Amino acid sequence: MKLDVRGEFCPLPVLKAVEAMKRALPDEVIEVYTDHAPALETIPTQARRLGFTVKIDKMGPAEWRITLSRSS
């Protein structure tokens, strides 16, 4: 699943990511695209609480992809 929250500010990116994680199928990977730096802390924190692993990749000067998958 791809979730594009570029151009959105807190708390929307984390709220949308949490909603996506709660709806995700067991093997589903969620890619969150953001340009809001605070989301690099808020989304991983909530993801770990919900049992997801987190990987962050810098895609541009102020753009990131946060990849969320369920912990095994």
Protein backbone atom coordinates (compact mmCIF):
# COMPACT_ATOMS: atom_id res chain seq x y z
CA MET A 1 0.00 0.00 0.00
CA LYS A 2 1.27 3.47 -0.80
CA LEU A 3 0.26 6.42 1.33
CA ASP A 4 1.20 9.87 0.04
CA VAL A 5 1.00 12.50 2.78
CA ARG A 6 3.29 15.04 1.12
CA GLY A 7 2.08 18.56 1.74
CA GLU A 8 0.27 17.57 4.94
CA PHE A 9 1.30 18.61 8.44
CA CYS A 10 0.93 17.07 11.91
CA PRO A 11 -1.15 15.43 13.03
CA LEU A 12 -2.53 14.29 9.64
CA PRO A 13 0.46 12.20 8.44
CA VAL A 14 0.58 10.11 11.60
CA LEU A 15 -3.21 9.76 11.82
CA LYS A 16 -3.41 8.52 8.22
CA ALA A 17 -0.47 6.16 8.76
CA VAL A 18 -2.03 4.67 11.91
CA GLU A 19 -5.33 4.18 10.08
CA ALA A 20 -3.49 2.39 7.25
CA MET A 21 -1.58 0.18 9.70
CA LYS A 22 -4.80 -0.84 11.46
CA ARG A 23 -6.36 -1.83 8.11
CA ALA A 24 -3.25 -3.55 6.73
CA LEU A 25 -3.29 -7.24 5.96
CA PRO A 26 -0.72 -9.37 7.87
CA ASP A 27 1.85 -9.47 5.02
CA GLU A 28 1.11 -6.01 3.63
CA VAL A 29 3.89 -3.43 3.41
CA ILE A 30 2.98 0.24 3.72
CA GLU A 31 5.08 2.92 2.05
CA VAL A 32 4.45 6.40 3.45
CA TYR A 33 5.76 9.31 1.39
CA THR A 34 6.23 12.54 3.35
CA ASP A 35 7.91 15.93 3.16
CA HIS A 36 7.11 16.79 6.78
CA ALA A 37 10.21 16.09 8.91
CA PRO A 38 8.33 15.65 12.24
CA ALA A 39 6.58 12.62 10.70
CA LEU A 40 9.98 10.87 10.78
CA GLU A 41 9.55 10.64 14.56
CA THR A 42 5.79 10.39 15.04
CA ILE A 43 5.06 7.68 12.44
CA PRO A 44 7.87 5.29 13.52
CA THR A 45 6.89 5.67 17.18
CA GLN A 46 3.29 4.67 16.48
CA ALA A 47 4.35 1.96 14.02
CA ARG A 48 6.52 0.25 16.62
CA ARG A 49 3.67 0.39 19.14
CA LEU A 50 1.48 -1.39 16.61
CA GLY A 51 4.09 -4.09 15.94
CA PHE A 52 5.59 -2.77 12.70
CA THR A 53 9.23 -2.47 11.72
CA VAL A 54 10.33 0.82 10.20
CA LYS A 55 12.79 1.75 7.46
CA ILE A 56 13.33 5.37 6.40
CA ASP A 57 14.82 6.31 3.03
CA LYS A 58 15.65 9.85 1.99
CA MET A 59 14.15 10.43 -1.45
CA GLY A 60 15.14 14.07 -1.98
CA PRO A 61 16.29 17.19 -0.13
CA ALA A 62 13.12 17.26 1.98
CA GLU A 63 11.27 14.09 1.04
CA TRP A 64 11.28 10.64 2.65
CA ARG A 65 9.77 7.19 2.24
CA ILE A 66 8.88 5.39 5.47
CA THR A 67 8.43 1.68 4.87
CA LEU A 68 6.33 -0.15 7.46
CA SER A 69 6.04 -3.92 7.72
CA ARG A 70 4.88 -6.23 10.46
CA SER A 71 7.52 -7.55 12.81
CA SER A 72 8.01 -11.32 12.60
